[in-house]
Protein backbone atom coordinates (compact mmCIF):
# COMPACT_ATOMS: atom_id res chain seq x y z
CA MET A 1 -19.67 -9.89 -0.50
CA LYS A 2 -22.43 -7.41 0.52
CA ASP A 3 -21.26 -5.98 3.93
CA PHE A 4 -18.46 -3.57 3.63
CA ALA A 5 -18.60 -1.65 7.14
CA GLY A 6 -15.77 -2.60 9.46
CA ARG A 7 -14.01 -4.52 6.62
CA ILE A 8 -10.48 -3.80 5.21
CA ALA A 9 -9.42 -2.90 1.66
CA VAL A 10 -6.38 -2.53 -0.18
CA VAL A 11 -6.15 -0.75 -3.09
CA THR A 12 -3.03 0.17 -5.53
CA GLY A 13 -2.48 2.75 -7.79
CA ALA A 14 -4.82 4.74 -5.06
CA ALA A 15 -2.87 8.01 -4.83
CA SER A 16 -5.38 9.42 -8.06
CA GLY A 17 -7.71 8.50 -10.63
CA ILE A 18 -9.61 5.24 -10.32
CA GLY A 19 -7.57 4.04 -7.57
CA LEU A 20 -8.27 7.01 -5.39
CA ALA A 21 -11.99 7.34 -6.40
CA THR A 22 -12.33 3.50 -5.08
CA ALA A 23 -10.23 3.88 -2.04
CA THR A 24 -12.69 6.81 -1.38
CA ARG A 25 -15.92 4.97 -1.90
CA PHE A 26 -14.67 1.82 -0.08
CA ALA A 27 -14.23 4.26 3.05
CA GLN A 28 -17.55 5.88 2.60
CA GLU A 29 -18.77 2.44 2.80
CA GLY A 30 -17.19 2.32 6.19
CA MET A 31 -14.17 0.04 5.43
CA LYS A 32 -10.38 0.81 6.79
CA VAL A 33 -8.46 1.29 3.50
CA VAL A 34 -4.97 0.96 2.70
CA LEU A 35 -4.02 3.02 -0.13
CA ALA A 36 -0.55 2.11 -2.10
CA ASP A 37 1.09 3.94 -4.61
CA ILE A 38 4.66 4.75 -5.68
CA GLU A 39 3.96 8.53 -5.94
CA GLU A 40 4.48 9.33 -2.45
CA SER A 41 3.56 13.00 -2.76
CA ALA A 42 0.36 12.39 -4.19
CA LEU A 43 -0.34 9.37 -1.83
CA GLU A 44 0.40 11.58 1.17
CA VAL A 45 -2.14 14.12 0.06
CA ALA A 46 -4.87 11.67 -0.64
CA VAL A 47 -4.40 10.14 2.57
CA SER A 48 -4.48 13.07 4.55
CA GLN A 49 -8.11 14.36 2.83
CA LEU A 50 -9.45 10.90 3.38
CA SER A 51 -8.10 11.02 7.15
CA ASP A 52 -9.53 14.57 7.54
CA SER A 53 -12.80 13.41 6.44
CA GLY A 54 -12.87 11.22 9.33
CA HIS A 55 -11.85 7.81 7.66
CA ASP A 56 -9.81 5.36 8.91
CA VAL A 57 -6.95 4.88 6.18
CA MET A 58 -3.13 4.76 5.72
CA GLY A 59 -0.96 5.18 2.85
CA VAL A 60 2.09 2.69 2.05
CA PRO A 61 4.57 3.73 -0.61
CA THR A 62 4.84 0.79 -2.82
CA ASP A 63 6.35 -0.24 -6.27
CA VAL A 64 3.90 -2.80 -7.15
CA SER A 65 6.25 -4.30 -9.82
CA ASN A 66 8.59 -5.41 -7.12
CA TRP A 67 7.37 -9.06 -5.41
CA ASP A 68 9.20 -7.77 -2.10
CA ALA A 69 7.29 -4.82 -1.92
CA VAL A 70 3.85 -6.23 -2.42
CA GLN A 71 4.77 -8.66 0.35
CA ALA A 72 5.80 -5.79 2.51
CA LEU A 73 2.40 -4.09 1.60
CA ALA A 74 0.63 -6.97 2.73
CA LYS A 75 2.64 -7.41 6.04
CA THR A 76 1.95 -3.74 6.77
CA THR A 77 -1.61 -4.17 6.44
CA LEU A 78 -1.94 -7.04 8.52
CA SER A 79 -0.02 -5.28 11.13
CA ALA A 80 -2.09 -2.16 10.96
CA TYR A 81 -5.51 -4.24 10.53
CA GLY A 82 -5.26 -7.85 11.42
CA ALA A 83 -7.03 -8.88 7.98
CA VAL A 84 -7.78 -8.21 4.42
CA ASN A 85 -11.22 -8.62 2.97
CA VAL A 86 -10.89 -6.66 -0.37
CA VAL A 87 -7.94 -5.85 -2.62
CA HIS A 88 -8.40 -3.74 -5.72
CA ASN A 89 -5.04 -4.67 -8.06
CA ASN A 90 -5.39 -1.16 -9.88
CA ALA A 91 -1.97 0.23 -10.69
CA GLY A 92 -1.32 1.12 -14.31
CA VAL A 93 0.90 2.76 -16.70
CA VAL A 94 1.15 3.06 -20.64
CA VAL A 95 3.84 3.59 -23.04
CA SER A 96 3.19 4.41 -26.80
CA GLY A 97 5.02 3.80 -29.92
CA PRO A 98 5.35 1.29 -33.05
CA ILE A 99 6.13 -2.16 -31.70
CA GLU A 100 9.38 -2.39 -33.61
CA GLU A 101 10.69 0.84 -31.99
CA LEU A 102 9.74 -0.24 -28.39
CA SER A 103 12.60 -1.15 -26.30
CA ILE A 104 12.69 -4.12 -23.95
CA SER A 105 12.69 -1.71 -21.07
CA ASP A 106 9.40 -0.46 -22.21
CA TRP A 107 7.93 -3.69 -22.35
CA GLU A 108 9.25 -4.63 -18.86
CA TRP A 109 8.09 -1.43 -17.23
CA VAL A 110 4.48 -1.71 -18.43
CA LEU A 111 4.16 -5.35 -17.95
CA GLY A 112 6.01 -4.76 -14.67
CA VAL A 113 3.27 -2.38 -13.23
CA ASP A 114 0.20 -3.52 -15.21
CA LEU A 115 0.40 -7.36 -15.21
CA TRP A 116 2.97 -8.69 -12.68
CA SER A 117 1.43 -6.31 -10.20
CA VAL A 118 -1.75 -8.19 -10.22
CA ILE A 119 0.05 -11.54 -10.25
CA TYR A 120 1.91 -10.42 -7.17
CA GLY A 121 -1.23 -9.10 -5.46
CA ILE A 122 -3.23 -12.43 -6.08
CA LYS A 123 -0.19 -14.24 -4.62
CA ALA A 124 0.17 -12.08 -1.40
CA PHE A 125 -3.36 -11.45 -0.58
CA LEU A 126 -5.45 -14.16 -1.78
CA PRO A 127 -4.22 -16.33 1.15
CA LEU A 128 -5.20 -13.47 3.51
CA ILE A 129 -8.64 -12.88 2.13
CA LYS A 130 -9.31 -16.70 2.67
CA SER A 131 -8.00 -16.59 6.20
CA ALA A 132 -10.60 -13.63 6.84
CA GLY A 133 -13.41 -15.71 5.72
CA GLU A 134 -14.76 -13.84 3.00
CA GLY A 135 -13.91 -11.43 0.44
CA HIS A 136 -13.09 -10.08 -3.07
CA ILE A 137 -10.52 -9.17 -5.67
CA VAL A 138 -10.69 -6.89 -8.39
CA ASN A 139 -8.51 -6.52 -11.13
CA THR A 140 -8.25 -3.54 -13.28
CA ALA A 141 -7.73 -4.46 -16.85
CA SER A 142 -9.02 -2.15 -19.73
CA THR A 143 -11.09 -2.29 -22.72
CA ALA A 144 -7.46 -2.69 -24.49
CA GLY A 145 -7.66 -6.02 -22.81
CA LEU A 146 -10.82 -6.96 -24.73
CA GLN A 147 -9.53 -5.64 -28.43
CA GLY A 148 -5.93 -4.52 -29.04
CA PRO A 149 -5.64 -0.79 -30.26
CA LYS A 150 -2.72 0.43 -32.36
CA GLY A 151 0.32 1.97 -30.67
CA ILE A 152 0.07 0.66 -26.91
CA ALA A 153 1.04 -3.00 -27.72
CA PRO A 154 2.76 -3.57 -23.92
CA TYR A 155 -0.40 -2.03 -22.30
CA SER A 156 -2.70 -4.35 -24.37
CA ALA A 157 -0.77 -7.21 -23.70
CA ALA A 158 -0.74 -6.73 -19.89
CA LYS A 159 -4.48 -5.84 -19.84
CA PHE A 160 -5.21 -9.10 -22.11
CA GLY A 161 -3.41 -10.83 -19.44
CA VAL A 162 -5.15 -9.75 -16.57
CA VAL A 163 -8.49 -10.42 -18.24
CA GLY A 164 -7.17 -14.12 -18.60
CA ILE A 165 -5.64 -14.31 -15.06
CA THR A 166 -8.77 -12.88 -13.41
CA GLU A 167 -11.29 -15.48 -15.36
CA THR A 168 -9.09 -18.17 -14.30
CA LEU A 169 -9.05 -17.27 -10.56
CA ARG A 170 -12.74 -16.57 -10.80
CA LEU A 171 -13.22 -20.27 -12.04
CA GLU A 172 -10.73 -21.89 -9.70
CA LEU A 173 -12.55 -19.85 -6.53
CA GLU A 174 -16.06 -21.18 -7.83
CA GLY A 175 -14.74 -24.67 -8.33
CA ASP A 176 -13.70 -24.74 -4.54
CA GLU A 177 -16.84 -23.27 -3.50
CA SER A 178 -14.91 -20.23 -2.00
CA SER A 179 -16.47 -17.36 -0.01
CA VAL A 180 -13.86 -15.29 -2.02
CA SER A 181 -14.57 -14.16 -5.48
CA ALA A 182 -12.98 -12.11 -8.33
CA SER A 183 -13.97 -9.61 -10.83
CA VAL A 184 -12.10 -7.72 -13.60
CA LEU A 185 -12.68 -4.07 -14.48
CA CYS A 186 -12.33 -3.07 -17.86
CA PRO A 187 -12.81 0.98 -17.98
CA GLY A 188 -12.87 2.70 -21.41
CA ALA A 189 -12.21 6.18 -21.36
CA ILE A 190 -11.94 7.61 -17.72
CA ASN A 191 -10.54 11.07 -16.69
CA THR A 192 -7.26 10.03 -15.39
CA GLN A 193 -3.87 10.96 -15.65
CA ILE A 194 -2.53 7.48 -17.10
CA VAL A 195 -1.54 9.02 -20.36
CA SER A 196 1.40 11.06 -18.27
CA SER A 197 2.29 8.01 -16.19
CA LYS A 198 5.79 8.13 -17.44
CA ARG A 199 5.98 10.83 -14.59
CA ASN A 200 6.71 7.84 -12.37
CA ARG A 201 9.23 5.90 -14.49
CA SER A 202 12.83 5.67 -13.37
CA ALA A 203 15.66 7.26 -15.76
CA ALA A 204 17.21 4.15 -15.69
CA SER A 205 14.08 2.20 -17.30
CA ALA A 206 13.48 5.34 -19.73
CA ALA A 207 17.01 5.35 -20.97
CA ASP A 208 16.58 3.37 -23.92
CA HIS A 209 13.05 4.86 -24.86
CA GLN A 210 12.64 6.42 -28.28
CA THR A 211 10.04 9.07 -28.57
CA SER A 212 7.99 8.57 -31.84
CA ASP A 213 5.32 10.56 -33.91
CA VAL A 214 2.79 7.66 -32.74
CA GLU A 215 3.84 8.54 -29.07
CA LYS A 216 3.29 12.31 -29.29
CA GLY A 217 -0.22 11.82 -31.31
CA PHE A 218 -1.34 9.33 -28.84
CA GLU A 219 -0.23 11.65 -25.57
CA ALA A 220 -2.13 14.57 -27.31
CA ASN A 221 -4.97 12.83 -28.53
CA ALA A 222 -5.76 10.21 -25.72
CA GLY A 223 -4.79 13.00 -22.85
CA ALA A 224 -7.57 15.33 -24.79
CA LEU A 225 -10.21 12.62 -25.05
CA LEU A 226 -9.54 11.44 -21.32
CA ALA A 227 -9.94 15.27 -19.89
CA ASN A 228 -12.71 16.45 -22.25
CA GLU A 229 -14.75 13.17 -22.51
CA GLY A 230 -13.70 10.75 -20.13
CA MET A 231 -16.05 9.39 -17.30
CA ALA A 232 -15.44 10.40 -13.74
CA PRO A 233 -13.53 8.01 -11.54
CA ALA A 234 -16.14 8.13 -8.87
CA GLU A 235 -18.88 6.81 -11.31
CA VAL A 236 -16.15 3.84 -11.97
CA ALA A 237 -15.81 3.50 -8.19
CA ASP A 238 -19.63 2.93 -7.87
CA MET A 239 -19.65 0.45 -10.44
CA VAL A 240 -16.98 -1.77 -8.61
CA VAL A 241 -18.87 -1.66 -5.35
CA LYS A 242 -22.03 -2.31 -7.14
CA GLY A 243 -20.26 -5.26 -8.91
CA ILE A 244 -18.67 -7.01 -5.90
CA VAL A 245 -22.15 -6.81 -4.05
CA ALA A 246 -23.83 -8.42 -7.24
CA ASN A 247 -20.47 -10.92 -7.73
CA ASP A 248 -20.33 -9.61 -11.44
CA PHE A 249 -17.24 -11.19 -13.10
CA TRP A 250 -17.12 -8.38 -15.64
CA ILE A 251 -17.50 -4.58 -14.73
CA ILE A 252 -17.33 -2.81 -18.18
CA THR A 253 -17.53 0.74 -17.86
CA HIS A 254 -18.78 1.56 -20.95
CA ALA A 255 -21.84 -0.63 -22.24
CA ASP A 256 -20.95 -0.11 -25.82
CA TRP A 257 -18.06 -2.27 -25.61
CA LYS A 258 -20.58 -5.21 -25.19
CA ASP A 259 -21.56 -4.64 -28.65
CA VAL A 260 -17.75 -4.59 -29.67
CA MET A 261 -17.18 -7.55 -28.36
CA LEU A 262 -20.16 -9.26 -29.91
CA GLU A 263 -18.97 -8.07 -33.27
CA ARG A 264 -15.50 -9.49 -32.64
CA ALA A 265 -16.94 -12.89 -31.94
CA ALA A 266 -19.13 -12.49 -34.96
CA ALA A 267 -16.02 -11.73 -37.04
CA MET A 268 -14.32 -14.85 -35.53
CA LYS A 269 -17.16 -17.09 -36.60
CA LYS A 270 -17.05 -15.99 -40.58
CA ASP A 271 -13.23 -16.17 -40.46
CA ASN A 272 -12.51 -19.62 -40.55
CA SER A 273 -8.92 -19.15 -40.65
CA LEU A 274 -8.87 -18.08 -37.14
CA HIS A 275 -9.95 -21.52 -35.91
CA THR A 276 -7.30 -23.53 -37.68
CA GLY A 277 -4.19 -25.01 -35.93
CA PHE A 278 -4.56 -24.38 -32.20
CA GLY A 279 -7.40 -26.27 -30.66
CA GLY A 280 -7.67 -28.32 -33.88
């Protein structure tokens, strides 16, 4: 897909960070944009700023971990604009702690927002994009979906899942010679508020969460890293637009992660124990 003007985009997690930057970039390309987010006050501000700049946008408060809510988002988009061409399944949260101390609710919350929202987004919007005749789906994973770090197992599990789902989706679309395609966005360190994403977690979901030294260290260290050294979300948004135009599958924000993956593959080749059992 190379022509954005007059097309319709939907972006989740669009009230801040990468989502807001991508929504803004789409609007600057002449698209009509639906911004979805669970943080209603921030969503209102984002929509107001874009509207005041002359862009055709609307905000839809959405809990993307809820299937009915994502279906409602799709229906609202169709009602307002009549079609959907681009969907960026971007909403994300993170929780930190040792695996043995994480609660079931911790896992459910992160997987609900980071993984199930992508599943729901594809399920709800892919038929609509196909009906529009041409389009693209971008799913936000992470470099934590390429190699799992310590302390954020639910996040990493979700992001590995997003990579796998998007790869399968891309292969299926290519097999059908579809005019719809898909990309996976794997951000490294980006200057966003994801470390403080628990601000949008319900009290009921957080009731069993145990604060740990791992969590305190993660929030302090990762928060400082993202704020001081993180790439600007606007740069990521530029990469997303270029990736759609070029029909790239991988949109990796930090090139050195390609070297990490090559080293990972080389390590697998050296360690025969990684190849025994499954796949024979």
